[in-house]
Amino acid sequence: MSKNSSSPTWGVTLLLCFFLGGLGAHRFYVGKKGSGVAQLLTFGGLGIWTLIDLVMILMGKFQDADGNAITKG
């Protein structure tokens, strides 16, 4: 299957989480607006939520708003 060019990529999601995770940027990027706002208001769950998301992205277990895994390659 070919990947839709407008779908979120693993690398961009990882970088957004690493550098702007406390603002929920990676969640907005993958279409999870509600939890993105929650992360924005709580500064990424005081960093804990962001750290969990970072690990999930690295493991290939993070999903976009449609439930598709954001995986490398």
N, C-alpha and C. Protein backbone atom coordinates (compact mmCIF):
# COMPACT_ATOMS: atom_id res chain seq x y z
N MET A 1 0.84 -1.19 0.00
CA MET A 1 0.00 0.00 0.00
C MET A 1 0.88 1.24 0.00
N SER A 2 0.47 2.23 -0.75
CA SER A 2 1.22 3.48 -0.74
C SER A 2 0.65 4.39 0.35
N LYS A 3 1.53 5.13 0.96
CA LYS A 3 1.15 6.03 2.03
C LYS A 3 0.69 7.36 1.45
N ASN A 4 -0.39 7.88 1.97
CA ASN A 4 -0.91 9.17 1.53
C ASN A 4 0.12 10.25 1.84
N SER A 5 0.42 11.11 0.88
CA SER A 5 1.45 12.13 1.07
C SER A 5 1.08 13.14 2.15
N SER A 6 -0.20 13.27 2.48
CA SER A 6 -0.60 14.21 3.51
C SER A 6 -0.66 13.58 4.90
N SER A 7 -0.36 12.29 4.99
CA SER A 7 -0.39 11.65 6.30
C SER A 7 0.87 12.00 7.09
N PRO A 8 0.76 12.02 8.41
CA PRO A 8 1.90 12.40 9.25
C PRO A 8 3.06 11.42 9.10
N THR A 9 4.27 11.95 9.13
CA THR A 9 5.45 11.10 9.04
C THR A 9 6.07 10.91 10.42
N TRP A 10 6.79 9.81 10.56
CA TRP A 10 7.41 9.45 11.83
C TRP A 10 8.44 10.49 12.27
N GLY A 11 9.29 10.90 11.34
CA GLY A 11 10.36 11.84 11.67
C GLY A 11 9.85 13.18 12.15
N VAL A 12 8.87 13.71 11.45
CA VAL A 12 8.31 15.01 11.84
C VAL A 12 7.60 14.89 13.19
N THR A 13 6.86 13.81 13.38
CA THR A 13 6.17 13.59 14.64
C THR A 13 7.17 13.50 15.79
N LEU A 14 8.26 12.77 15.58
CA LEU A 14 9.30 12.63 16.61
C LEU A 14 9.93 13.98 16.95
N LEU A 15 10.30 14.75 15.94
CA LEU A 15 10.92 16.05 16.18
C LEU A 15 9.98 17.02 16.87
N LEU A 16 8.72 17.03 16.46
CA LEU A 16 7.75 17.91 17.12
C LEU A 16 7.57 17.53 18.59
N CYS A 17 7.52 16.22 18.85
CA CYS A 17 7.36 15.77 20.23
C CYS A 17 8.59 16.15 21.06
N PHE A 18 9.77 15.96 20.50
CA PHE A 18 11.00 16.24 21.24
C PHE A 18 11.16 17.72 21.56
N PHE A 19 10.93 18.57 20.55
CA PHE A 19 11.18 20.00 20.73
C PHE A 19 9.97 20.79 21.22
N LEU A 20 8.76 20.38 20.84
CA LEU A 20 7.57 21.14 21.20
C LEU A 20 6.50 20.27 21.87
N GLY A 21 6.92 19.17 22.46
CA GLY A 21 5.98 18.23 23.07
C GLY A 21 5.17 18.84 24.20
N GLY A 22 5.78 19.72 24.96
CA GLY A 22 5.07 20.36 26.06
C GLY A 22 3.92 21.23 25.59
N LEU A 23 3.95 21.60 24.32
CA LEU A 23 2.88 22.41 23.74
C LEU A 23 1.88 21.55 22.96
N GLY A 24 2.14 20.25 22.90
CA GLY A 24 1.23 19.34 22.22
C GLY A 24 1.32 19.40 20.70
N ALA A 25 2.40 19.97 20.17
CA ALA A 25 2.52 20.17 18.71
C ALA A 25 2.41 18.87 17.93
N HIS A 26 2.98 17.80 18.45
CA HIS A 26 2.95 16.52 17.74
C HIS A 26 1.52 15.97 17.68
N ARG A 27 0.74 16.23 18.70
CA ARG A 27 -0.65 15.76 18.71
C ARG A 27 -1.50 16.56 17.73
N PHE A 28 -1.29 17.85 17.64
CA PHE A 28 -1.98 18.65 16.63
C PHE A 28 -1.59 18.16 15.24
N TYR A 29 -0.31 17.85 15.04
CA TYR A 29 0.20 17.41 13.74
C TYR A 29 -0.47 16.12 13.26
N VAL A 30 -0.73 15.19 14.17
CA VAL A 30 -1.36 13.91 13.77
C VAL A 30 -2.88 13.98 13.82
N GLY A 31 -3.44 15.14 14.13
CA GLY A 31 -4.89 15.31 14.08
C GLY A 31 -5.62 15.10 15.39
N LYS A 32 -4.90 14.93 16.48
CA LYS A 32 -5.53 14.74 17.79
C LYS A 32 -5.66 16.09 18.48
N LYS A 33 -6.62 16.88 18.01
CA LYS A 33 -6.75 18.25 18.49
C LYS A 33 -7.16 18.35 19.96
N GLY A 34 -8.06 17.49 20.39
CA GLY A 34 -8.53 17.54 21.77
C GLY A 34 -7.42 17.27 22.78
N SER A 35 -6.66 16.21 22.55
CA SER A 35 -5.57 15.92 23.47
C SER A 35 -4.41 16.89 23.26
N GLY A 36 -4.31 17.49 22.07
CA GLY A 36 -3.31 18.53 21.84
C GLY A 36 -3.58 19.74 22.71
N VAL A 37 -4.84 20.14 22.80
CA VAL A 37 -5.22 21.26 23.66
C VAL A 37 -4.95 20.91 25.12
N ALA A 38 -5.27 19.68 25.51
CA ALA A 38 -5.02 19.25 26.89
C ALA A 38 -3.53 19.30 27.22
N GLN A 39 -2.69 18.87 26.28
CA GLN A 39 -1.25 18.94 26.52
C GLN A 39 -0.78 20.38 26.56
N LEU A 40 -1.34 21.21 25.72
CA LEU A 40 -0.97 22.62 25.71
C LEU A 40 -1.28 23.28 27.05
N LEU A 41 -2.44 22.99 27.59
CA LEU A 41 -2.87 23.60 28.85
C LEU A 41 -2.13 23.05 30.07
N THR A 42 -1.61 21.81 29.97
CA THR A 42 -0.91 21.20 31.11
C THR A 42 0.59 21.09 30.90
N PHE A 43 1.07 21.78 29.84
CA PHE A 43 2.50 21.72 29.49
C PHE A 43 2.98 20.28 29.34
N GLY A 44 2.21 19.51 28.58
CA GLY A 44 2.56 18.12 28.32
C GLY A 44 2.42 17.25 29.55
N GLY A 45 1.43 17.54 30.37
CA GLY A 45 1.26 16.77 31.61
C GLY A 45 2.49 16.91 32.49
N LEU A 46 3.00 18.16 32.54
CA LEU A 46 4.23 18.50 33.27
C LEU A 46 5.42 17.66 32.78
N GLY A 47 5.39 17.32 31.51
CA GLY A 47 6.49 16.60 30.89
C GLY A 47 6.32 15.10 30.87
N ILE A 48 5.50 14.57 31.75
CA ILE A 48 5.33 13.11 31.83
C ILE A 48 4.59 12.59 30.60
N TRP A 49 3.51 13.24 30.22
CA TRP A 49 2.73 12.83 29.06
C TRP A 49 3.59 12.92 27.80
N THR A 50 4.38 13.97 27.70
CA THR A 50 5.26 14.15 26.55
C THR A 50 6.30 13.03 26.49
N LEU A 51 6.87 12.68 27.62
CA LEU A 51 7.86 11.60 27.67
C LEU A 51 7.25 10.27 27.24
N ILE A 52 6.05 10.00 27.70
CA ILE A 52 5.35 8.77 27.30
C ILE A 52 5.11 8.77 25.80
N ASP A 53 4.65 9.90 25.26
CA ASP A 53 4.43 10.00 23.81
C ASP A 53 5.72 9.79 23.04
N LEU A 54 6.82 10.35 23.53
CA LEU A 54 8.11 10.21 22.87
C LEU A 54 8.52 8.74 22.80
N VAL A 55 8.36 8.02 23.88
CA VAL A 55 8.68 6.59 23.90
C VAL A 55 7.76 5.83 22.94
N MET A 56 6.48 6.17 22.95
CA MET A 56 5.52 5.50 22.06
C MET A 56 5.88 5.75 20.59
N ILE A 57 6.29 6.96 20.26
CA ILE A 57 6.69 7.27 18.89
C ILE A 57 7.92 6.45 18.51
N LEU A 58 8.90 6.41 19.39
CA LEU A 58 10.12 5.65 19.11
C LEU A 58 9.85 4.16 18.93
N MET A 59 8.87 3.64 19.66
CA MET A 59 8.52 2.21 19.55
C MET A 59 7.58 1.92 18.38
N GLY A 60 7.06 2.95 17.72
CA GLY A 60 6.14 2.76 16.61
C GLY A 60 4.73 2.44 17.05
N LYS A 61 4.38 2.81 18.27
CA LYS A 61 3.05 2.53 18.83
C LYS A 61 2.14 3.75 18.86
N PHE A 62 2.66 4.92 18.50
CA PHE A 62 1.86 6.16 18.51
C PHE A 62 0.94 6.15 17.30
N GLN A 63 -0.30 6.59 17.48
CA GLN A 63 -1.29 6.55 16.41
C GLN A 63 -1.80 7.95 16.08
N ASP A 64 -2.21 8.10 14.82
CA ASP A 64 -2.83 9.37 14.43
C ASP A 64 -4.31 9.36 14.81
N ALA A 65 -5.03 10.40 14.43
CA ALA A 65 -6.44 10.53 14.81
C ALA A 65 -7.32 9.42 14.21
N ASP A 66 -6.88 8.83 13.11
CA ASP A 66 -7.63 7.75 12.47
C ASP A 66 -7.26 6.37 12.99
N GLY A 67 -6.34 6.30 13.93
CA GLY A 67 -5.92 5.02 14.48
C GLY A 67 -4.80 4.34 13.73
N ASN A 68 -4.20 5.03 12.77
CA ASN A 68 -3.08 4.47 12.02
C ASN A 68 -1.78 4.70 12.78
N ALA A 69 -0.97 3.67 12.90
CA ALA A 69 0.30 3.79 13.60
C ALA A 69 1.25 4.68 12.82
N ILE A 70 1.97 5.54 13.55
CA ILE A 70 3.00 6.38 12.94
C ILE A 70 4.30 5.60 13.10
N THR A 71 4.75 4.98 12.03
CA THR A 71 5.92 4.13 12.09
C THR A 71 7.03 4.66 11.19
N LYS A 72 8.23 4.27 11.52
CA LYS A 72 9.41 4.66 10.73
C LYS A 72 9.43 3.81 9.48
N GLY A 73 9.53 4.48 8.33
CA GLY A 73 9.64 3.77 7.05
C GLY A 73 8.41 3.09 6.73
